[in-house]
PDB file of N, CA and C in Angstrom:
ATOM      1  N   MET A   1    -136.655 -27.512-105.755  1.00  0.00           N
ATOM      2  CA  MET A   1    -137.562 -26.394-105.812  1.00  0.00           C
ATOM      3  C   MET A   1    -138.931 -26.844-105.367  1.00  0.00           C
ATOM      4  N   CYS A   2    -139.674 -25.949-104.804  1.00  0.00           N
ATOM      5  CA  CYS A   2    -141.048 -26.222-104.412  1.00  0.00           C
ATOM      6  C   CYS A   2    -142.011 -25.327-105.178  1.00  0.00           C
ATOM      7  N   PHE A   3    -141.556 -24.187-105.641  1.00  0.00           N
ATOM      8  CA  PHE A   3    -142.401 -23.272-106.407  1.00  0.00           C
ATOM      9  C   PHE A   3    -141.523 -22.511-107.386  1.00  0.00           C
ATOM     10  N   LEU A   4    -141.940 -22.453-108.639  1.00  0.00           N
ATOM     11  CA  LEU A   4    -141.158 -21.798-109.675  1.00  0.00           C
ATOM     12  C   LEU A   4    -141.904 -20.569-110.184  1.00  0.00           C
ATOM     13  N   ASN A   5    -141.217 -19.439-110.244  1.00  0.00           N
ATOM     14  CA  ASN A   5    -141.799 -18.201-110.752  1.00  0.00           C
ATOM     15  C   ASN A   5    -140.699 -17.447-111.499  1.00  0.00           C
ATOM     16  N   ILE A   6    -140.899 -17.246-112.799  1.00  0.00           N
ATOM     17  CA  ILE A   6    -139.912 -16.559-113.626  1.00  0.00           C
ATOM     18  C   ILE A   6    -140.580 -15.343-114.252  1.00  0.00           C
ATOM     19  N   VAL A   7    -139.921 -14.188-114.177  1.00  0.00           N
ATOM     20  CA  VAL A   7    -140.424 -12.963-114.785  1.00  0.00           C
ATOM     21  C   VAL A   7    -139.300 -12.343-115.609  1.00  0.00           C
ATOM     22  N   GLY A   8    -139.620 -11.975-116.842  1.00  0.00           N
ATOM     23  CA  GLY A   8    -138.660 -11.308-117.701  1.00  0.00           C
ATOM     24  C   GLY A   8    -139.290 -10.078-118.325  1.00  0.00           C
ATOM     25  N   LYS A   9    -138.472  -9.077-118.633  1.00  0.00           N
ATOM     26  CA  LYS A   9    -138.969  -7.846-119.241  1.00  0.00           C
ATOM     27  C   LYS A   9    -138.047  -7.450-120.388  1.00  0.00           C
ATOM     28  N   ILE A  10    -138.660  -6.850-121.431  1.00  0.00           N
ATOM     29  CA  ILE A  10    -137.888  -6.346-122.557  1.00  0.00           C
ATOM     30  C   ILE A  10    -138.598  -5.104-123.091  1.00  0.00           C
ATOM     31  N   ASP A  11    -137.837  -4.137-123.538  1.00  0.00           N
ATOM     32  CA  ASP A  11    -138.396  -2.917-124.105  1.00  0.00           C
ATOM     33  C   ASP A  11    -138.841  -3.215-125.534  1.00  0.00           C
ATOM     34  N   SER A  12    -140.060  -2.852-125.882  1.00  0.00           N
ATOM     35  CA  SER A  12    -140.594  -3.139-127.220  1.00  0.00           C
ATOM     36  C   SER A  12    -139.818  -2.415-128.321  1.00  0.00           C
ATOM     37  N   GLN A  13    -139.086  -1.366-127.981  1.00  0.00           N
ATOM     38  CA  GLN A  13    -138.341  -0.602-128.983  1.00  0.00           C
ATOM     39  C   GLN A  13    -137.198  -1.405-129.597  1.00  0.00           C
ATOM     40  N   VAL A  14    -136.737  -2.461-128.952  1.00  0.00           N
ATOM     41  CA  VAL A  14    -135.644  -3.262-129.508  1.00  0.00           C
ATOM     42  C   VAL A  14    -136.161  -4.318-130.487  1.00  0.00           C
ATOM     43  N   LEU A  15    -137.486  -4.399-130.666  1.00  0.00           N
ATOM     44  CA  LEU A  15    -138.089  -5.376-131.574  1.00  0.00           C
ATOM     45  C   LEU A  15    -138.663  -4.676-132.799  1.00  0.00           C
ATOM     46  N   SER A  16    -138.822  -5.416-133.884  1.00  0.00           N
ATOM     47  CA  SER A  16    -139.361  -4.862-135.130  1.00  0.00           C
ATOM     48  C   SER A  16    -140.849  -4.592-135.014  1.00  0.00           C
ATOM     49  N   ARG A  17    -141.295  -3.529-135.671  1.00  0.00           N
ATOM     50  CA  ARG A  17    -142.712  -3.158-135.675  1.00  0.00           C
ATOM     51  C   ARG A  17    -143.494  -4.036-136.653  1.00  0.00           C
ATOM     52  N   GLU A  18    -144.807  -4.098-136.441  1.00  0.00           N
ATOM     53  CA  GLU A  18    -145.724  -4.865-137.265  1.00  0.00           C
ATOM     54  C   GLU A  18    -145.253  -6.312-137.428  1.00  0.00           C
ATOM     55  N   THR A  19    -144.859  -6.892-136.324  1.00  0.00           N
ATOM     56  CA  THR A  19    -144.350  -8.262-136.307  1.00  0.00           C
ATOM     57  C   THR A  19    -144.976  -9.020-135.155  1.00  0.00           C
ATOM     58  N   ARG A  20    -145.362 -10.281-135.421  1.00  0.00           N
ATOM     59  CA  ARG A  20    -145.867 -11.171-134.373  1.00  0.00           C
ATOM     60  C   ARG A  20    -144.682 -11.966-133.834  1.00  0.00           C
ATOM     61  N   TYR A  21    -144.543 -11.962-132.506  1.00  0.00           N
ATOM     62  CA  TYR A  21    -143.456 -12.665-131.835  1.00  0.00           C
ATOM     63  C   TYR A  21    -144.012 -13.778-130.952  1.00  0.00           C
ATOM     64  N   ALA A  22    -143.177 -14.766-130.709  1.00  0.00           N
ATOM     65  CA  ALA A  22    -143.485 -15.802-129.732  1.00  0.00           C
ATOM     66  C   ALA A  22    -142.340 -15.846-128.730  1.00  0.00           C
ATOM     67  N   ALA A  23    -142.687 -16.109-127.471  1.00  0.00           N
ATOM     68  CA  ALA A  23    -141.687 -16.244-126.408  1.00  0.00           C
ATOM     69  C   ALA A  23    -141.651 -17.702-125.976  1.00  0.00           C
ATOM     70  N   TYR A  24    -140.448 -18.250-125.828  1.00  0.00           N
ATOM     71  CA  TYR A  24    -140.266 -19.659-125.485  1.00  0.00           C
ATOM     72  C   TYR A  24    -139.381 -19.794-124.248  1.00  0.00           C
ATOM     73  N   LEU A  25    -139.780 -20.662-123.336  1.00  0.00           N
ATOM     74  CA  LEU A  25    -138.922 -21.040-122.221  1.00  0.00           C
ATOM     75  C   LEU A  25    -138.022 -22.159-122.726  1.00  0.00           C
ATOM     76  N   VAL A  26    -136.709 -21.992-122.574  1.00  0.00           N
ATOM     77  CA  VAL A  26    -135.738 -23.002-123.006  1.00  0.00           C
ATOM     78  C   VAL A  26    -135.203 -23.681-121.752  1.00  0.00           C
ATOM     79  N   TYR A  27    -135.376 -25.014-121.674  1.00  0.00           N
ATOM     80  CA  TYR A  27    -135.021 -25.738-120.458  1.00  0.00           C
ATOM     81  C   TYR A  27    -134.599 -27.165-120.762  1.00  0.00           C
ATOM     82  N   LYS A  28    -134.030 -27.815-119.769  1.00  0.00           N
ATOM     83  CA  LYS A  28    -133.797 -29.253-119.819  1.00  0.00           C
ATOM     84  C   LYS A  28    -133.877 -29.787-118.402  1.00  0.00           C
ATOM     85  N   VAL A  29    -133.925 -31.106-118.298  1.00  0.00           N
ATOM     86  CA  VAL A  29    -134.037 -31.775-117.007  1.00  0.00           C
ATOM     87  C   VAL A  29    -132.873 -32.735-116.885  1.00  0.00           C
ATOM     88  N   LYS A  30    -132.219 -32.724-115.726  1.00  0.00           N
ATOM     89  CA  LYS A  30    -131.142 -33.688-115.499  1.00  0.00           C
ATOM     90  C   LYS A  30    -131.708 -35.089-115.610  1.00  0.00           C
ATOM     91  N   GLU A  31    -130.974 -35.972-116.248  1.00  0.00           N
ATOM     92  CA  GLU A  31    -131.453 -37.337-116.520  1.00  0.00           C
ATOM     93  C   GLU A  31    -131.839 -38.078-115.254  1.00  0.00           C
ATOM     94  N   ALA A  32    -131.138 -37.854-114.174  1.00  0.00           N
ATOM     95  CA  ALA A  32    -131.405 -38.594-112.935  1.00  0.00           C
ATOM     96  C   ALA A  32    -132.524 -37.977-112.102  1.00  0.00           C
ATOM     97  N   SER A  33    -133.162 -36.927-112.600  1.00  0.00           N
ATOM     98  CA  SER A  33    -134.141 -36.193-111.800  1.00  0.00           C
ATOM     99  C   SER A  33    -135.564 -36.480-112.259  1.00  0.00           C
ATOM    100  N   ASN A  34    -135.991 -37.752-112.165  1.00  0.00           N
ATOM    101  CA  ASN A  34    -137.335 -38.069-112.627  1.00  0.00           C
ATOM    102  C   ASN A  34    -138.413 -37.596-111.661  1.00  0.00           C
ATOM    103  N   ASP A  35    -138.036 -37.074-110.493  1.00  0.00           N
ATOM    104  CA  ASP A  35    -139.046 -36.512-109.584  1.00  0.00           C
ATOM    105  C   ASP A  35    -139.624 -35.208-110.122  1.00  0.00           C
ATOM    106  N   LEU A  36    -138.939 -34.592-111.108  1.00  0.00           N
ATOM    107  CA  LEU A  36    -139.436 -33.345-111.679  1.00  0.00           C
ATOM    108  C   LEU A  36    -140.678 -33.576-112.530  1.00  0.00           C
ATOM    109  N   VAL A  37    -140.749 -34.692-113.205  1.00  0.00           N
ATOM    110  CA  VAL A  37    -141.878 -34.978-114.095  1.00  0.00           C
ATOM    111  C   VAL A  37    -142.644 -36.203-113.608  1.00  0.00           C
ATOM    112  N   HIS A  38    -142.853 -36.310-112.312  1.00  0.00           N
ATOM    113  CA  HIS A  38    -143.559 -37.437-111.722  1.00  0.00           C
ATOM    114  C   HIS A  38    -144.979 -37.495-112.267  1.00  0.00           C
ATOM    115  N   PRO A  39    -145.416 -38.646-112.859  1.00  0.00           N
ATOM    116  CA  PRO A  39    -146.732 -38.708-113.493  1.00  0.00           C
ATOM    117  C   PRO A  39    -147.903 -38.488-112.537  1.00  0.00           C
ATOM    118  N   GLN A  40    -147.739 -38.787-111.255  1.00  0.00           N
ATOM    119  CA  GLN A  40    -148.831 -38.578-110.298  1.00  0.00           C
ATOM    120  C   GLN A  40    -148.925 -37.122-109.853  1.00  0.00           C
ATOM    121  N   HIS A  41    -147.844 -36.374-110.003  1.00  0.00           N
ATOM    122  CA  HIS A  41    -147.816 -34.974-109.590  1.00  0.00           C
ATOM    123  C   HIS A  41    -147.167 -34.123-110.691  1.00  0.00           C
ATOM    124  N   PRO A  42    -147.806 -34.019-111.875  1.00  0.00           N
ATOM    125  CA  PRO A  42    -147.185 -33.227-112.951  1.00  0.00           C
ATOM    126  C   PRO A  42    -147.117 -31.752-112.570  1.00  0.00           C
ATOM    127  N   ILE A  43    -146.123 -31.076-113.095  1.00  0.00           N
ATOM    128  CA  ILE A  43    -145.985 -29.652-112.850  1.00  0.00           C
ATOM    129  C   ILE A  43    -146.907 -28.910-113.816  1.00  0.00           C
ATOM    130  N   MET A  44    -147.770 -28.081-113.283  1.00  0.00           N
ATOM    131  CA  MET A  44    -148.665 -27.253-114.095  1.00  0.00           C
ATOM    132  C   MET A  44    -148.147 -25.816-114.046  1.00  0.00           C
ATOM    133  N   PHE A  45    -148.094 -25.174-115.214  1.00  0.00           N
ATOM    134  CA  PHE A  45    -147.618 -23.804-115.302  1.00  0.00           C
ATOM    135  C   PHE A  45    -148.701 -22.898-115.862  1.00  0.00           C
ATOM    136  N   CYS A  46    -148.674 -21.657-115.423  1.00  0.00           N
ATOM    137  CA  CYS A  46    -149.493 -20.593-115.995  1.00  0.00           C
ATOM    138  C   CYS A  46    -148.511 -19.569-116.536  1.00  0.00           C
ATOM    139  N   THR A  47    -148.719 -19.147-117.777  1.00  0.00           N
ATOM    140  CA  THR A  47    -147.832 -18.154-118.366  1.00  0.00           C
ATOM    141  C   THR A  47    -148.641 -16.946-118.824  1.00  0.00           C
ATOM    142  N   SER A  48    -147.985 -15.822-118.885  1.00  0.00           N
ATOM    143  CA  SER A  48    -148.643 -14.635-119.431  1.00  0.00           C
ATOM    144  C   SER A  48    -147.611 -13.760-120.121  1.00  0.00           C
ATOM    145  N   VAL A  49    -148.075 -13.078-121.163  1.00  0.00           N
ATOM    146  CA  VAL A  49    -147.283 -12.082-121.869  1.00  0.00           C
ATOM    147  C   VAL A  49    -148.106 -10.806-121.866  1.00  0.00           C
ATOM    148  N   THR A  50    -147.529  -9.728-121.363  1.00  0.00           N
ATOM    149  CA  THR A  50    -148.240  -8.458-121.271  1.00  0.00           C
ATOM    150  C   THR A  50    -147.470  -7.391-122.034  1.00  0.00           C
ATOM    151  N   ILE A  51    -148.168  -6.711-122.938  1.00  0.00           N
ATOM    152  CA  ILE A  51    -147.594  -5.557-123.618  1.00  0.00           C
ATOM    153  C   ILE A  51    -148.621  -4.447-123.516  1.00  0.00           C
ATOM    154  N   ASN A  52    -148.205  -3.359-122.863  1.00  0.00           N
ATOM    155  CA  ASN A  52    -149.114  -2.265-122.523  1.00  0.00           C
ATOM    156  C   ASN A  52    -150.313  -2.840-121.768  1.00  0.00           C
ATOM    157  N   ARG A  53    -151.509  -2.770-122.311  1.00  0.00           N
ATOM    158  CA  ARG A  53    -152.668  -3.283-121.567  1.00  0.00           C
ATOM    159  C   ARG A  53    -153.163  -4.621-122.092  1.00  0.00           C
ATOM    160  N   HIS A  54    -152.520  -5.160-123.133  1.00  0.00           N
ATOM    161  CA  HIS A  54    -152.939  -6.435-123.713  1.00  0.00           C
ATOM    162  C   HIS A  54    -152.187  -7.579-123.027  1.00  0.00           C
ATOM    163  N   LYS A  55    -152.934  -8.549-122.532  1.00  0.00           N
ATOM    164  CA  LYS A  55    -152.335  -9.663-121.802  1.00  0.00           C
ATOM    165  C   LYS A  55    -152.883 -10.975-122.339  1.00  0.00           C
ATOM    166  N   THR A  56    -151.974 -11.942-122.591  1.00  0.00           N
ATOM    167  CA  THR A  56    -152.400 -13.288-122.977  1.00  0.00           C
ATOM    168  C   THR A  56    -151.983 -14.249-121.875  1.00  0.00           C
ATOM    169  N   ILE A  57    -152.866 -15.183-121.553  1.00  0.00           N
ATOM    170  CA  ILE A  57    -152.612 -16.153-120.491  1.00  0.00           C
ATOM    171  C   ILE A  57    -152.817 -17.553-121.054  1.00  0.00           C
ATOM    172  N   LYS A  58    -151.982 -18.495-120.626  1.00  0.00           N
ATOM    173  CA  LYS A  58    -152.109 -19.869-121.084  1.00  0.00           C
ATOM    174  C   LYS A  58    -151.625 -20.802-119.985  1.00  0.00           C
ATOM    175  N   GLU A  59    -152.136 -22.028-119.961  1.00  0.00           N
ATOM    176  CA  GLU A  59    -151.719 -23.039-118.991  1.00  0.00           C
ATOM    177  C   GLU A  59    -151.234 -24.278-119.731  1.00  0.00           C
ATOM    178  N   PHE A  60    -150.254 -24.977-119.145  1.00  0.00           N
ATOM    179  CA  PHE A  60    -149.770 -26.225-119.726  1.00  0.00           C
ATOM    180  C   PHE A  60    -149.122 -27.062-118.633  1.00  0.00           C
ATOM    181  N   ALA A  61    -148.954 -28.354-118.918  1.00  0.00           N
ATOM    182  CA  ALA A  61    -148.290 -29.280-117.985  1.00  0.00           C
ATOM    183  C   ALA A  61    -146.898 -29.591-118.510  1.00  0.00           C
ATOM    184  N   CYS A  62    -145.968 -29.821-117.595  1.00  0.00           N
ATOM    185  CA  CYS A  62    -144.611 -30.214-117.958  1.00  0.00           C
ATOM    186  C   CYS A  62    -144.667 -31.597-118.608  1.00  0.00           C
ATOM    187  N   ASN A  63    -143.901 -31.792-119.665  1.00  0.00           N
ATOM    188  CA  ASN A  63    -143.884 -33.054-120.396  1.00  0.00           C
ATOM    189  C   ASN A  63    -143.480 -34.210-119.484  1.00  0.00           C
ATOM    190  N   ASP A  64    -144.105 -35.378-119.681  1.00  0.00           N
ATOM    191  CA  ASP A  64    -143.780 -36.550-118.848  1.00  0.00           C
ATOM    192  C   ASP A  64    -142.482 -37.229-119.238  1.00  0.00           C
ATOM    193  N   GLU A  65    -141.931 -36.877-120.377  1.00  0.00           N
ATOM    194  CA  GLU A  65    -140.686 -37.494-120.816  1.00  0.00           C
ATOM    195  C   GLU A  65    -139.503 -36.693-120.284  1.00  0.00           C
ATOM    196  N   ILE A  66    -138.380 -37.371-120.080  1.00  0.00           N
ATOM    197  CA  ILE A  66    -137.158 -36.704-119.632  1.00  0.00           C
ATOM    198  C   ILE A  66    -136.391 -36.237-120.867  1.00  0.00           C
ATOM    199  N   PRO A  67    -136.297 -34.936-121.104  1.00  0.00           N
ATOM    200  CA  PRO A  67    -135.562 -34.471-122.283  1.00  0.00           C
ATOM    201  C   PRO A  67    -134.061 -34.688-122.121  1.00  0.00           C
ATOM    202  N   GLN A  68    -133.413 -35.083-123.190  1.00  0.00           N
ATOM    203  CA  GLN A  68    -131.972 -35.302-123.167  1.00  0.00           C
ATOM    204  C   GLN A  68    -131.216 -34.032-123.552  1.00  0.00           C
ATOM    205  N   GLU A  69    -131.841 -33.189-124.365  1.00  0.00           N
ATOM    206  CA  GLU A  69    -131.237 -31.943-124.810  1.00  0.00           C
ATOM    207  C   GLU A  69    -132.136 -30.796-124.359  1.00  0.00           C
ATOM    208  N   TRP A  70    -131.837 -29.614-124.842  1.00  0.00           N
ATOM    209  CA  TRP A  70    -132.655 -28.444-124.519  1.00  0.00           C
ATOM    210  C   TRP A  70    -134.007 -28.558-125.198  1.00  0.00           C
ATOM    211  N   TRP A  71    -135.050 -28.255-124.457  1.00  0.00           N
ATOM    212  CA  TRP A  71    -136.417 -28.236-124.982  1.00  0.00           C
ATOM    213  C   TRP A  71    -136.951 -26.831-124.910  1.00  0.00           C
ATOM    214  N   GLU A  72    -137.977 -26.571-125.708  1.00  0.00           N
ATOM    215  CA  GLU A  72    -138.642 -25.270-125.699  1.00  0.00           C
ATOM    216  C   GLU A  72    -140.135 -25.479-125.496  1.00  0.00           C
ATOM    217  N   VAL A  73    -140.744 -24.581-124.754  1.00  0.00           N
ATOM    218  CA  VAL A  73    -142.197 -24.565-124.643  1.00  0.00           C
ATOM    219  C   VAL A  73    -142.626 -23.114-124.844  1.00  0.00           C
ATOM    220  N   GLU A  74    -143.649 -22.933-125.678  1.00  0.00           N
ATOM    221  CA  GLU A  74    -144.098 -21.571-125.968  1.00  0.00           C
ATOM    222  C   GLU A  74    -144.824 -21.000-124.764  1.00  0.00           C
ATOM    223  N   ILE A  75    -144.354 -19.846-124.297  1.00  0.00           N
ATOM    224  CA  ILE A  75    -144.982 -19.159-123.171  1.00  0.00           C
ATOM    225  C   ILE A  75    -146.181 -18.356-123.672  1.00  0.00           C
ATOM    226  N   GLY A  76    -146.033 -17.745-124.822  1.00  0.00           N
ATOM    227  CA  GLY A  76    -147.111 -16.934-125.374  1.00  0.00           C
ATOM    228  C   GLY A  76    -146.631 -16.186-126.594  1.00  0.00           C
ATOM    229  N   GLU A  77    -147.537 -15.402-127.155  1.00  0.00           N
ATOM    230  CA  GLU A  77    -147.179 -14.605-128.329  1.00  0.00           C
ATOM    231  C   GLU A  77    -147.747 -13.206-128.187  1.00  0.00           C
ATOM    232  N   PHE A  78    -147.178 -12.301-128.978  1.00  0.00           N
ATOM    233  CA  PHE A  78    -147.625 -10.915-128.936  1.00  0.00           C
ATOM    234  C   PHE A  78    -147.306 -10.251-130.262  1.00  0.00           C
ATOM    235  N   TYR A  79    -147.962  -9.133-130.526  1.00  0.00           N
ATOM    236  CA  TYR A  79    -147.793  -8.388-131.768  1.00  0.00           C
ATOM    237  C   TYR A  79    -147.347  -6.966-131.430  1.00  0.00           C
ATOM    238  N   ILE A  80    -146.316  -6.502-132.122  1.00  0.00           N
ATOM    239  CA  ILE A  80    -145.827  -5.138-131.942  1.00  0.00           C
ATOM    240  C   ILE A  80    -146.411  -4.285-133.067  1.00  0.00           C
ATOM    241  N   GLU A  81    -147.276  -3.351-132.733  1.00  0.00           N
ATOM    242  CA  GLU A  81    -147.868  -2.470-133.730  1.00  0.00           C
ATOM    243  C   GLU A  81    -146.930  -1.313-134.048  1.00  0.00           C
ATOM    244  N   ASN A  82    -147.143  -0.712-135.196  1.00  0.00           N
ATOM    245  CA  ASN A  82    -146.337   0.428-135.596  1.00  0.00           C
ATOM    246  C   ASN A  82    -146.577   1.584-134.618  1.00  0.00           C
ATOM    247  N   GLY A  83    -145.521   2.143-134.077  1.00  0.00           N
ATOM    248  CA  GLY A  83    -145.632   3.254-133.138  1.00  0.00           C
ATOM    249  C   GLY A  83    -145.876   2.829-131.700  1.00  0.00           C
ATOM    250  N   GLU A  84    -146.027   1.540-131.458  1.00  0.00           N
ATOM    251  CA  GLU A  84    -146.280   1.074-130.090  1.00  0.00           C
ATOM    252  C   GLU A  84    -144.972   1.033-129.304  1.00  0.00           C
ATOM    253  N   GLU A  85    -145.013   1.617-128.129  1.00  0.00           N
ATOM    254  CA  GLU A  85    -143.849   1.617-127.253  1.00  0.00           C
ATOM    255  C   GLU A  85    -144.269   1.120-125.891  1.00  0.00           C
ATOM    256  N   GLY A  86    -143.333   0.571-125.182  1.00  0.00           N
ATOM    257  CA  GLY A  86    -143.621   0.108-123.841  1.00  0.00           C
ATOM    258  C   GLY A  86    -142.809  -1.123-123.494  1.00  0.00           C
ATOM    259  N   GLU A  87    -143.075  -1.621-122.337  1.00  0.00           N
ATOM    260  CA  GLU A  87    -142.353  -2.772-121.810  1.00  0.00           C
ATOM    261  C   GLU A  87    -143.181  -4.032-122.035  1.00  0.00           C
ATOM    262  N   ILE A  88    -142.515  -5.092-122.436  1.00  0.00           N
ATOM    263  CA  ILE A  88    -143.155  -6.393-122.587  1.00  0.00           C
ATOM    264  C   ILE A  88    -142.751  -7.214-121.373  1.00  0.00           C
ATOM    265  N   LYS A  89    -143.741  -7.746-120.654  1.00  0.00           N
ATOM    266  CA  LYS A  89    -143.481  -8.538-119.452  1.00  0.00           C
ATOM    267  C   LYS A  89    -143.875  -9.989-119.726  1.00  0.00           C
ATOM    268  N   LEU A  90    -142.939 -10.903-119.465  1.00  0.00           N
ATOM    269  CA  LEU A  90    -143.151 -12.328-119.651  1.00  0.00           C
ATOM    270  C   LEU A  90    -143.142 -12.992-118.282  1.00  0.00           C
ATOM    271  N   MET A  91    -144.110 -13.846-118.019  1.00  0.00           N
ATOM    272  CA  MET A  91    -144.207 -14.480-116.701  1.00  0.00           C
ATOM    273  C   MET A  91    -144.535 -15.958-116.853  1.00  0.00           C
ATOM    274  N   LEU A  92    -143.869 -16.769-116.061  1.00  0.00           N
ATOM    275  CA  LEU A  92    -144.165 -18.199-115.969  1.00  0.00           C
ATOM    276  C   LEU A  92    -144.197 -18.541-114.491  1.00  0.00           C
ATOM    277  N   ALA A  93    -145.293 -19.133-114.037  1.00  0.00           N
ATOM    278  CA  ALA A  93    -145.424 -19.480-112.620  1.00  0.00           C
ATOM    279  C   ALA A  93    -146.026 -20.873-112.495  1.00  0.00           C
ATOM    280  N   GLU A  94    -145.495 -21.640-111.576  1.00  0.00           N
ATOM    281  CA  GLU A  94    -146.041 -22.965-111.307  1.00  0.00           C
ATOM    282  C   GLU A  94    -147.361 -22.826-110.557  1.00  0.00           C
ATOM    283  N   ILE A  95    -148.322 -23.643-110.943  1.00  0.00           N
ATOM    284  CA  ILE A  95    -149.611 -23.685-110.260  1.00  0.00           C
ATOM    285  C   ILE A  95    -149.534 -24.797-109.225  1.00  0.00           C
ATOM    286  N   GLY A  96    -149.817 -24.500-107.992  1.00  0.00           N
ATOM    287  CA  GLY A  96    -149.726 -25.518-106.931  1.00  0.00           C
ATOM    288  C   GLY A  96    -148.394 -25.414-106.229  1.00  0.00           C
ATOM    289  N   GLY A  97    -147.468 -26.300-106.577  1.00  0.00           N
ATOM    290  CA  GLY A  97    -146.130 -26.243-106.001  1.00  0.00           C
ATOM    291  C   GLY A  97    -146.024 -26.887-104.639  1.00  0.00           C
ATOM    292  N   ALA A  98    -146.754 -27.985-104.413  1.00  0.00           N
ATOM    293  CA  ALA A  98    -146.752 -28.620-103.098  1.00  0.00           C
ATOM    294  C   ALA A  98    -145.689 -29.695-102.950  1.00  0.00           C
ATOM    295  N   PHE A  99    -144.949 -29.999-104.022  1.00  0.00           N
ATOM    296  CA  PHE A  99    -143.981 -31.084-103.979  1.00  0.00           C
ATOM    297  C   PHE A  99    -142.585 -30.550-104.307  1.00  0.00           C
ATOM    298  N   PHE A 100    -141.582 -30.958-103.518  1.00  0.00           N
ATOM    299  CA  PHE A 100    -140.208 -30.566-103.806  1.00  0.00           C
ATOM    300  C   PHE A 100    -139.698 -31.364-104.992  1.00  0.00           C
ATOM    301  N   ARG A 101    -139.006 -30.693-105.914  1.00  0.00           N
ATOM    302  CA  ARG A 101    -138.481 -31.320-107.119  1.00  0.00           C
ATOM    303  C   ARG A 101    -137.066 -30.793-107.373  1.00  0.00           C
ATOM    304  N   THR A 102    -136.304 -31.573-108.115  1.00  0.00           N
ATOM    305  CA  THR A 102    -134.938 -31.159-108.452  1.00  0.00           C
ATOM    306  C   THR A 102    -134.691 -31.414-109.932  1.00  0.00           C
ATOM    307  N   GLY A 103    -133.623 -30.832-110.444  1.00  0.00           N
ATOM    308  CA  GLY A 103    -133.140 -31.176-111.771  1.00  0.00           C
ATOM    309  C   GLY A 103    -133.561 -30.285-112.917  1.00  0.00           C
ATOM    310  N   LEU A 104    -134.321 -29.234-112.676  1.00  0.00           N
ATOM    311  CA  LEU A 104    -134.710 -28.340-113.759  1.00  0.00           C
ATOM    312  C   LEU A 104    -133.579 -27.353-114.023  1.00  0.00           C
ATOM    313  N   ILE A 105    -133.160 -27.272-115.280  1.00  0.00           N
ATOM    314  CA  ILE A 105    -132.119 -26.340-115.690  1.00  0.00           C
ATOM    315  C   ILE A 105    -132.734 -25.403-116.726  1.00  0.00           C
ATOM    316  N   ILE A 106    -132.779 -24.121-116.422  1.00  0.00           N
ATOM    317  CA  ILE A 106    -133.387 -23.148-117.311  1.00  0.00           C
ATOM    318  C   ILE A 106    -132.294 -22.346-118.003  1.00  0.00           C
ATOM    319  N   GLN A 107    -132.314 -22.370-119.334  1.00  0.00           N
ATOM    320  CA  GLN A 107    -131.350 -21.596-120.104  1.00  0.00           C
ATOM    321  C   GLN A 107    -131.812 -20.146-120.235  1.00  0.00           C
ATOM    322  N   GLY A 108    -133.132 -19.941-120.406  1.00  0.00           N
ATOM    323  CA  GLY A 108    -133.635 -18.585-120.526  1.00  0.00           C
ATOM    324  C   GLY A 108    -134.940 -18.537-121.301  1.00  0.00           C
ATOM    325  N   ILE A 109    -135.321 -17.321-121.681  1.00  0.00           N
ATOM    326  CA  ILE A 109    -136.507 -17.096-122.492  1.00  0.00           C
ATOM    327  C   ILE A 109    -136.043 -16.558-123.844  1.00  0.00           C
ATOM    328  N   ASP A 110    -136.484 -17.203-124.911  1.00  0.00           N
ATOM    329  CA  ASP A 110    -136.111 -16.829-126.261  1.00  0.00           C
ATOM    330  C   ASP A 110    -137.316 -16.152-126.920  1.00  0.00           C
ATOM    331  N   ILE A 111    -137.093 -14.958-127.501  1.00  0.00           N
ATOM    332  CA  ILE A 111    -138.145 -14.229-128.211  1.00  0.00           C
ATOM    333  C   ILE A 111    -137.746 -14.164-129.673  1.00  0.00           C
ATOM    334  N   ARG A 112    -138.660 -14.613-130.546  1.00  0.00           N
ATOM    335  CA  ARG A 112    -138.346 -14.576-131.977  1.00  0.00           C
ATOM    336  C   ARG A 112    -139.628 -14.409-132.796  1.00  0.00           C
ATOM    337  N   PRO A 113    -139.499 -13.910-134.047  1.00  0.00           N
ATOM    338  CA  PRO A 113    -140.684 -13.730-134.885  1.00  0.00           C
ATOM    339  C   PRO A 113    -141.391 -15.057-135.108  1.00  0.00           C
ATOM    340  N   LYS A 114    -142.726 -14.994-135.137  1.00  0.00           N
ATOM    341  CA  LYS A 114    -143.537 -16.191-135.352  1.00  0.00           C
ATOM    342  C   LYS A 114    -144.032 -16.166-136.793  1.00  0.00           C
ATOM    343  N   HIS A 115    -143.886 -17.291-137.469  1.00  0.00           N
ATOM    344  CA  HIS A 115    -144.276 -17.374-138.881  1.00  0.00           C
ATOM    345  C   HIS A 115    -145.678 -17.886-139.016  1.00  0.00           C
TER     346      HIS A 115
END
């Protein structure tokens, strides 16, 4: 891959009201693919969670260690108010993307209540 962009959507009606949620990217890296987390060229991501007109944005770097199992990184969080309806949009995009990399395996985006 040279550039990664993931977008997911979910209807807020399938989630509980008056609850704070967090969204997590669940991924792992093939053991032989150390070019994915090269220390001289770390992968930088920008994430956003949008519900109606409220948007949260955050940036992070891919971990320098090679995970052996599935890892999670928090994309963002959001709160569902009572009576609020609409679509929740989750986005993760690589910043830059000038280097070809291999070995990223994405299981999906997990949304769950945040304590």
